N, C-alpha and C. Protein backbone atom coordinates (compact mmCIF):
# COMPACT_ATOMS: atom_id res chain seq x y z
N MET A 1 -221.30 -168.35 -19.03
CA MET A 1 -221.44 -168.77 -20.41
C MET A 1 -220.09 -168.59 -21.12
N LEU A 2 -219.77 -169.53 -21.99
CA LEU A 2 -218.49 -169.47 -22.69
C LEU A 2 -218.54 -168.52 -23.87
N ASP A 3 -217.47 -167.77 -24.02
CA ASP A 3 -217.31 -166.92 -25.19
C ASP A 3 -216.37 -167.66 -26.15
N PHE A 4 -216.94 -168.34 -27.12
CA PHE A 4 -216.15 -169.19 -28.01
C PHE A 4 -215.11 -168.41 -28.80
N GLU A 5 -215.43 -167.22 -29.20
CA GLU A 5 -214.46 -166.41 -29.94
C GLU A 5 -213.24 -166.12 -29.08
N GLU A 6 -213.46 -165.79 -27.82
CA GLU A 6 -212.36 -165.52 -26.89
C GLU A 6 -211.55 -166.79 -26.63
N GLU A 7 -212.23 -167.92 -26.49
CA GLU A 7 -211.54 -169.19 -26.27
C GLU A 7 -210.67 -169.55 -27.47
N LEU A 8 -211.17 -169.32 -28.67
CA LEU A 8 -210.39 -169.61 -29.87
C LEU A 8 -209.15 -168.73 -29.97
N LYS A 9 -209.25 -167.49 -29.55
CA LYS A 9 -208.10 -166.58 -29.56
C LYS A 9 -207.00 -167.09 -28.63
N ARG A 10 -207.38 -167.69 -27.51
CA ARG A 10 -206.41 -168.15 -26.52
C ARG A 10 -205.90 -169.57 -26.81
N PHE A 11 -206.49 -170.25 -27.75
CA PHE A 11 -206.13 -171.64 -28.03
C PHE A 11 -204.71 -171.74 -28.56
N ARG A 12 -203.95 -172.65 -27.98
CA ARG A 12 -202.60 -172.98 -28.45
C ARG A 12 -202.52 -174.50 -28.54
N PRO A 13 -202.28 -175.05 -29.73
CA PRO A 13 -202.21 -176.51 -29.84
C PRO A 13 -201.02 -177.08 -29.06
N SER A 14 -201.20 -178.25 -28.54
CA SER A 14 -200.15 -178.93 -27.80
C SER A 14 -199.05 -179.37 -28.77
N PRO A 15 -197.78 -179.10 -28.45
CA PRO A 15 -196.69 -179.53 -29.35
C PRO A 15 -196.64 -181.04 -29.54
N GLU A 16 -197.08 -181.79 -28.53
CA GLU A 16 -197.04 -183.25 -28.65
C GLU A 16 -197.96 -183.75 -29.75
N ILE A 17 -199.05 -183.04 -29.98
CA ILE A 17 -200.00 -183.46 -31.02
C ILE A 17 -199.32 -183.44 -32.39
N GLY A 18 -198.57 -182.41 -32.66
CA GLY A 18 -197.85 -182.33 -33.93
C GLY A 18 -196.87 -183.47 -34.10
N ASN A 19 -196.18 -183.83 -33.02
CA ASN A 19 -195.24 -184.94 -33.07
C ASN A 19 -195.95 -186.26 -33.34
N VAL A 20 -197.08 -186.45 -32.72
CA VAL A 20 -197.84 -187.68 -32.91
C VAL A 20 -198.37 -187.75 -34.34
N GLU A 21 -198.87 -186.63 -34.84
CA GLU A 21 -199.38 -186.61 -36.22
C GLU A 21 -198.28 -186.98 -37.20
N ASP A 22 -197.07 -186.46 -37.00
CA ASP A 22 -195.95 -186.79 -37.89
C ASP A 22 -195.60 -188.26 -37.81
N ALA A 23 -195.57 -188.81 -36.60
CA ALA A 23 -195.22 -190.22 -36.43
C ALA A 23 -196.25 -191.13 -37.07
N ILE A 24 -197.52 -190.82 -36.88
CA ILE A 24 -198.58 -191.65 -37.46
C ILE A 24 -198.58 -191.52 -38.98
N GLY A 25 -198.38 -190.32 -39.46
CA GLY A 25 -198.39 -190.10 -40.91
C GLY A 25 -197.29 -190.85 -41.64
N LYS A 26 -196.18 -191.10 -40.98
CA LYS A 26 -195.05 -191.78 -41.60
C LYS A 26 -195.19 -193.30 -41.56
N GLU A 27 -196.08 -193.81 -40.75
CA GLU A 27 -196.27 -195.26 -40.60
C GLU A 27 -197.15 -195.79 -41.73
N ASP A 28 -196.84 -196.99 -42.16
CA ASP A 28 -197.67 -197.68 -43.14
C ASP A 28 -198.59 -198.62 -42.36
N LEU A 29 -199.77 -198.13 -42.03
CA LEU A 29 -200.67 -198.89 -41.18
C LEU A 29 -201.68 -199.67 -42.02
N THR A 30 -201.87 -200.92 -41.66
CA THR A 30 -202.89 -201.74 -42.31
C THR A 30 -204.18 -201.57 -41.53
N ASP A 31 -205.23 -201.20 -42.25
CA ASP A 31 -206.51 -201.04 -41.56
C ASP A 31 -207.41 -202.23 -41.86
N MET A 32 -208.59 -202.19 -41.31
CA MET A 32 -209.53 -203.31 -41.44
C MET A 32 -209.90 -203.55 -42.90
N THR A 33 -210.03 -202.50 -43.68
CA THR A 33 -210.38 -202.66 -45.10
C THR A 33 -209.28 -203.42 -45.83
N ASP A 34 -208.02 -203.07 -45.56
CA ASP A 34 -206.90 -203.78 -46.19
C ASP A 34 -206.93 -205.26 -45.84
N LEU A 35 -207.22 -205.56 -44.58
CA LEU A 35 -207.27 -206.96 -44.16
C LEU A 35 -208.40 -207.71 -44.86
N MET A 36 -209.55 -207.09 -44.97
CA MET A 36 -210.69 -207.74 -45.62
C MET A 36 -210.41 -208.00 -47.11
N VAL A 37 -209.82 -207.03 -47.78
CA VAL A 37 -209.49 -207.20 -49.20
C VAL A 37 -208.49 -208.35 -49.36
N GLU A 38 -207.49 -208.41 -48.49
CA GLU A 38 -206.51 -209.48 -48.55
C GLU A 38 -207.16 -210.84 -48.34
N LEU A 39 -208.05 -210.94 -47.35
CA LEU A 39 -208.74 -212.20 -47.10
C LEU A 39 -209.61 -212.62 -48.28
N LEU A 40 -210.32 -211.66 -48.86
CA LEU A 40 -211.17 -211.98 -50.02
C LEU A 40 -210.33 -212.43 -51.21
N ASN A 41 -209.22 -211.80 -51.43
CA ASN A 41 -208.33 -212.19 -52.53
C ASN A 41 -207.78 -213.60 -52.31
N GLU A 42 -207.42 -213.91 -51.08
CA GLU A 42 -206.93 -215.26 -50.77
C GLU A 42 -208.02 -216.30 -51.00
N LYS A 43 -209.24 -215.98 -50.62
CA LYS A 43 -210.35 -216.92 -50.78
C LYS A 43 -210.63 -217.17 -52.25
N ARG A 44 -210.54 -216.14 -53.08
CA ARG A 44 -210.79 -216.29 -54.52
C ARG A 44 -209.73 -217.17 -55.18
N GLN A 45 -208.52 -217.16 -54.65
CA GLN A 45 -207.43 -217.93 -55.23
C GLN A 45 -207.54 -219.42 -54.90
N LEU A 46 -208.33 -219.77 -53.90
CA LEU A 46 -208.47 -221.19 -53.50
C LEU A 46 -209.37 -221.96 -54.40
């Protein structure tokens, strides 16, 4: 059986995760909601 408290004590985050988080956070990503709003705005202008 796992001892979750002991596992948490030994947990060390991977350094690569921090690098990825920084890279993603700095990007200006367009998501599906942005695309839908843009399409709806274009349709209203027609």
